[in-house]
Amino acid sequence: MKSIYFENDDILQIRLTRDGQDKPIVREVSQDWHTHISYAADGTIVEIVLLDAKKQGLLPLERRKAARTKPPVKSAPAEGTRKVQTAKLNSAA
């Protein structure tokens, strides 16, 4: 995704790409006076254009860092748990 704000015209352009490849626009639809959506031939959204972005309160954008997921940490079983499991295994044999 790439967003560009054109300050002189108060236009926010949001370009959606997948794998860094831009698809050609084949159809544009106006949702209302301020929102225009462009589609590729396969029906995916390629671009969203927002007119009067600052005037409509869409700017400044709020930026947040995305949460990073960490792999689960394998912890050792609790002290008493290991002894109980061992005792059950020995008694079953």
N, C-alpha and C. Protein backbone atom coordinates (compact mmCIF):
# COMPACT_ATOMS: atom_id res chain seq x y z
N MET A 1 0.84 -1.17 0.00
CA MET A 1 0.00 0.00 0.00
C MET A 1 0.89 1.24 0.00
N LYS A 2 0.47 2.23 -0.76
CA LYS A 2 1.22 3.48 -0.83
C LYS A 2 0.21 4.61 -0.80
N SER A 3 0.40 5.55 0.10
CA SER A 3 -0.51 6.69 0.16
C SER A 3 0.27 7.97 -0.13
N ILE A 4 -0.36 8.84 -0.91
CA ILE A 4 0.24 10.11 -1.29
C ILE A 4 -0.79 11.21 -1.03
N TYR A 5 -0.35 12.26 -0.36
CA TYR A 5 -1.22 13.40 -0.13
C TYR A 5 -0.76 14.57 -0.99
N PHE A 6 -1.67 15.08 -1.80
CA PHE A 6 -1.41 16.23 -2.66
C PHE A 6 -1.97 17.46 -1.96
N GLU A 7 -1.08 18.18 -1.27
CA GLU A 7 -1.51 19.28 -0.41
C GLU A 7 -2.18 20.41 -1.18
N ASN A 8 -1.68 20.76 -2.37
CA ASN A 8 -2.26 21.87 -3.13
C ASN A 8 -3.71 21.61 -3.52
N ASP A 9 -4.05 20.34 -3.76
CA ASP A 9 -5.41 19.99 -4.17
C ASP A 9 -6.23 19.35 -3.05
N ASP A 10 -5.59 19.09 -1.90
CA ASP A 10 -6.23 18.42 -0.76
C ASP A 10 -6.81 17.07 -1.16
N ILE A 11 -5.97 16.26 -1.81
CA ILE A 11 -6.38 14.93 -2.29
C ILE A 11 -5.47 13.88 -1.66
N LEU A 12 -6.08 12.84 -1.13
CA LEU A 12 -5.35 11.70 -0.60
C LEU A 12 -5.55 10.52 -1.54
N GLN A 13 -4.47 10.02 -2.07
CA GLN A 13 -4.51 8.88 -2.99
C GLN A 13 -3.91 7.67 -2.27
N ILE A 14 -4.68 6.59 -2.20
CA ILE A 14 -4.21 5.35 -1.59
C ILE A 14 -4.13 4.30 -2.67
N ARG A 15 -2.92 3.86 -2.94
CA ARG A 15 -2.68 2.89 -4.01
C ARG A 15 -2.43 1.52 -3.37
N LEU A 16 -3.21 0.54 -3.74
CA LEU A 16 -3.09 -0.81 -3.19
C LEU A 16 -2.37 -1.69 -4.20
N THR A 17 -1.29 -2.31 -3.74
CA THR A 17 -0.54 -3.20 -4.63
C THR A 17 -0.33 -4.53 -3.93
N ARG A 18 -0.12 -5.55 -4.71
CA ARG A 18 0.18 -6.86 -4.15
C ARG A 18 1.47 -7.34 -4.79
N ASP A 19 2.41 -7.70 -3.98
CA ASP A 19 3.71 -8.17 -4.45
C ASP A 19 4.42 -7.11 -5.28
N GLY A 20 4.13 -5.82 -5.00
CA GLY A 20 4.79 -4.74 -5.70
C GLY A 20 4.36 -4.53 -7.13
N GLN A 21 3.28 -5.18 -7.55
CA GLN A 21 2.82 -5.06 -8.93
C GLN A 21 1.54 -4.23 -8.99
N ASP A 22 1.56 -3.17 -9.79
CA ASP A 22 0.36 -2.37 -10.00
C ASP A 22 -0.47 -2.98 -11.12
N LYS A 23 -1.75 -3.14 -10.87
CA LYS A 23 -2.66 -3.63 -11.91
C LYS A 23 -3.24 -2.43 -12.64
N PRO A 24 -3.50 -2.55 -13.93
CA PRO A 24 -4.10 -1.44 -14.65
C PRO A 24 -5.55 -1.22 -14.22
N ILE A 25 -5.94 0.04 -14.16
CA ILE A 25 -7.30 0.41 -13.78
C ILE A 25 -8.21 0.27 -15.00
N VAL A 26 -9.32 -0.44 -14.83
CA VAL A 26 -10.27 -0.62 -15.94
C VAL A 26 -11.62 0.02 -15.65
N ARG A 27 -11.88 0.33 -14.33
CA ARG A 27 -13.18 0.90 -13.99
C ARG A 27 -13.03 1.78 -12.76
N GLU A 28 -13.71 2.93 -12.78
CA GLU A 28 -13.70 3.83 -11.64
C GLU A 28 -15.14 4.09 -11.20
N VAL A 29 -15.35 4.05 -9.89
CA VAL A 29 -16.70 4.25 -9.35
C VAL A 29 -16.63 5.32 -8.27
N SER A 30 -17.55 6.30 -8.36
CA SER A 30 -17.63 7.33 -7.33
C SER A 30 -18.64 6.88 -6.28
N GLN A 31 -18.17 6.72 -5.05
CA GLN A 31 -19.05 6.33 -3.95
C GLN A 31 -19.89 7.52 -3.49
N ASP A 32 -19.28 8.68 -3.47
CA ASP A 32 -19.93 9.94 -3.17
C ASP A 32 -19.04 11.04 -3.73
N TRP A 33 -19.29 12.28 -3.38
CA TRP A 33 -18.51 13.37 -3.94
C TRP A 33 -17.02 13.26 -3.58
N HIS A 34 -16.71 12.73 -2.41
CA HIS A 34 -15.34 12.74 -1.91
C HIS A 34 -14.58 11.42 -2.10
N THR A 35 -15.27 10.35 -2.42
CA THR A 35 -14.63 9.02 -2.44
C THR A 35 -14.77 8.37 -3.80
N HIS A 36 -13.62 8.02 -4.40
CA HIS A 36 -13.60 7.39 -5.71
C HIS A 36 -12.74 6.13 -5.63
N ILE A 37 -13.27 5.02 -6.12
CA ILE A 37 -12.58 3.74 -6.06
C ILE A 37 -12.32 3.23 -7.47
N SER A 38 -11.07 2.80 -7.72
CA SER A 38 -10.68 2.28 -9.02
C SER A 38 -10.45 0.78 -8.91
N TYR A 39 -10.92 0.04 -9.92
CA TYR A 39 -10.86 -1.42 -9.92
C TYR A 39 -10.02 -1.94 -11.08
N ALA A 40 -9.43 -3.12 -10.88
CA ALA A 40 -8.71 -3.83 -11.93
C ALA A 40 -9.70 -4.73 -12.67
N ALA A 41 -9.25 -5.37 -13.72
CA ALA A 41 -10.11 -6.25 -14.52
C ALA A 41 -10.65 -7.42 -13.71
N ASP A 42 -9.88 -7.90 -12.71
CA ASP A 42 -10.33 -9.03 -11.91
C ASP A 42 -11.24 -8.63 -10.74
N GLY A 43 -11.57 -7.34 -10.64
CA GLY A 43 -12.48 -6.86 -9.61
C GLY A 43 -11.82 -6.40 -8.33
N THR A 44 -10.51 -6.52 -8.22
CA THR A 44 -9.83 -6.06 -7.01
C THR A 44 -9.68 -4.54 -7.03
N ILE A 45 -9.65 -3.96 -5.84
CA ILE A 45 -9.48 -2.51 -5.73
C ILE A 45 -8.01 -2.17 -5.93
N VAL A 46 -7.77 -1.22 -6.82
CA VAL A 46 -6.40 -0.80 -7.13
C VAL A 46 -6.07 0.51 -6.42
N GLU A 47 -7.06 1.40 -6.34
CA GLU A 47 -6.78 2.74 -5.83
C GLU A 47 -8.04 3.34 -5.21
N ILE A 48 -7.82 4.11 -4.14
CA ILE A 48 -8.90 4.88 -3.51
C ILE A 48 -8.43 6.33 -3.49
N VAL A 49 -9.28 7.22 -4.00
CA VAL A 49 -8.95 8.64 -4.03
C VAL A 49 -9.98 9.37 -3.17
N LEU A 50 -9.47 10.15 -2.22
CA LEU A 50 -10.33 10.90 -1.31
C LEU A 50 -10.12 12.39 -1.54
N LEU A 51 -11.16 13.07 -2.01
CA LEU A 51 -11.10 14.50 -2.27
C LEU A 51 -11.39 15.27 -0.99
N ASP A 52 -10.82 16.48 -0.88
CA ASP A 52 -10.97 17.32 0.31
C ASP A 52 -10.63 16.54 1.58
N ALA A 53 -9.53 15.83 1.53
CA ALA A 53 -9.15 14.92 2.61
C ALA A 53 -8.97 15.64 3.94
N LYS A 54 -8.22 16.72 3.95
CA LYS A 54 -7.98 17.44 5.20
C LYS A 54 -9.26 18.14 5.66
N LYS A 55 -9.97 18.71 4.71
CA LYS A 55 -11.23 19.42 5.01
C LYS A 55 -12.27 18.47 5.61
N GLN A 56 -12.26 17.22 5.19
CA GLN A 56 -13.19 16.21 5.68
C GLN A 56 -12.73 15.56 6.98
N GLY A 57 -11.55 15.94 7.47
CA GLY A 57 -11.04 15.41 8.73
C GLY A 57 -10.30 14.09 8.59
N LEU A 58 -9.91 13.72 7.38
CA LEU A 58 -9.18 12.47 7.16
C LEU A 58 -7.68 12.61 7.42
N LEU A 59 -7.21 13.83 7.53
CA LEU A 59 -5.81 14.10 7.82
C LEU A 59 -5.72 15.02 9.03
N PRO A 60 -4.74 14.97 9.85
CA PRO A 60 -3.58 14.11 9.74
C PRO A 60 -3.93 12.67 10.07
N LEU A 61 -3.24 11.76 9.42
CA LEU A 61 -3.45 10.33 9.66
C LEU A 61 -2.84 9.94 10.99
N GLU A 62 -3.45 9.00 11.65
CA GLU A 62 -2.90 8.47 12.89
C GLU A 62 -2.01 7.30 12.52
N ARG A 63 -0.78 7.35 12.97
CA ARG A 63 0.16 6.27 12.66
C ARG A 63 0.41 5.45 13.92
N ARG A 64 0.36 4.15 13.75
CA ARG A 64 0.66 3.23 14.85
C ARG A 64 1.58 2.14 14.33
N LYS A 65 2.43 1.67 15.20
CA LYS A 65 3.28 0.54 14.82
C LYS A 65 2.46 -0.73 14.96
N ALA A 66 2.60 -1.60 14.01
CA ALA A 66 1.89 -2.87 14.06
C ALA A 66 2.49 -3.76 15.13
N ALA A 67 1.65 -4.53 15.77
CA ALA A 67 2.14 -5.44 16.80
C ALA A 67 2.88 -6.59 16.14
N ARG A 68 3.99 -6.93 16.68
CA ARG A 68 4.75 -8.06 16.16
C ARG A 68 4.40 -9.29 16.97
N THR A 69 4.18 -10.35 16.27
CA THR A 69 3.88 -11.60 16.98
C THR A 69 5.17 -12.36 17.19
N LYS A 70 5.31 -12.90 18.38
CA LYS A 70 6.49 -13.67 18.72
C LYS A 70 6.10 -15.14 18.78
N PRO A 71 7.00 -16.02 18.39
CA PRO A 71 6.67 -17.45 18.50
C PRO A 71 6.50 -17.81 19.96
N PRO A 72 5.63 -18.77 20.26
CA PRO A 72 5.42 -19.15 21.66
C PRO A 72 6.70 -19.67 22.29
N VAL A 73 6.92 -19.30 23.52
CA VAL A 73 8.10 -19.72 24.25
C VAL A 73 7.79 -21.05 24.92
N LYS A 74 8.64 -22.03 24.68
CA LYS A 74 8.46 -23.33 25.32
C LYS A 74 9.08 -23.26 26.71
N SER A 75 8.22 -23.39 27.69
CA SER A 75 8.73 -23.33 29.05
C SER A 75 8.75 -24.73 29.64
N ALA A 76 9.61 -24.91 30.61
CA ALA A 76 9.71 -26.20 31.30
C ALA A 76 8.47 -26.38 32.16
N PRO A 77 8.00 -27.60 32.31
CA PRO A 77 6.82 -27.81 33.15
C PRO A 77 7.12 -27.43 34.59
N ALA A 78 6.06 -27.16 35.32
CA ALA A 78 6.21 -26.78 36.73
C ALA A 78 6.92 -27.90 37.48
N GLU A 79 7.55 -27.57 38.58
CA GLU A 79 8.38 -28.51 39.33
C GLU A 79 7.62 -29.78 39.71
N GLY A 80 6.44 -29.65 40.25
CA GLY A 80 5.69 -30.82 40.69
C GLY A 80 5.08 -31.62 39.56
N THR A 81 4.82 -31.00 38.43
CA THR A 81 4.16 -31.65 37.30
C THR A 81 4.99 -32.78 36.73
N ARG A 82 6.26 -32.58 36.59
CA ARG A 82 7.14 -33.57 35.99
C ARG A 82 7.19 -34.85 36.85
N LYS A 83 7.23 -34.71 38.16
CA LYS A 83 7.28 -35.86 39.05
C LYS A 83 6.00 -36.67 38.97
N VAL A 84 4.84 -35.99 38.88
CA VAL A 84 3.56 -36.69 38.81
C VAL A 84 3.48 -37.50 37.53
N GLN A 85 3.88 -36.90 36.39
CA GLN A 85 3.81 -37.61 35.12
C GLN A 85 4.74 -38.82 35.14
N THR A 86 5.92 -38.71 35.70
CA THR A 86 6.86 -39.82 35.78
C THR A 86 6.29 -40.93 36.64
N ALA A 87 5.67 -40.58 37.73
CA ALA A 87 5.10 -41.59 38.62
C ALA A 87 3.98 -42.35 37.93
N LYS A 88 3.17 -41.67 37.12
CA LYS A 88 2.08 -42.33 36.40
C LYS A 88 2.64 -43.30 35.36
N LEU A 89 3.69 -42.91 34.69
CA LEU A 89 4.28 -43.77 33.67
C LEU A 89 4.88 -45.03 34.31
N ASN A 90 5.56 -44.90 35.42
CA ASN A 90 6.18 -46.04 36.09
C ASN A 90 5.13 -47.00 36.63
N SER A 91 4.02 -46.46 37.12
CA SER A 91 3.00 -47.33 37.70
C SER A 91 2.23 -48.08 36.61
N ALA A 92 2.18 -47.54 35.40
CA ALA A 92 1.46 -48.18 34.30
C ALA A 92 2.26 -49.32 33.71
N ALA A 93 3.58 -49.34 33.88
CA ALA A 93 4.43 -50.34 33.27
C ALA A 93 4.44 -51.63 33.97
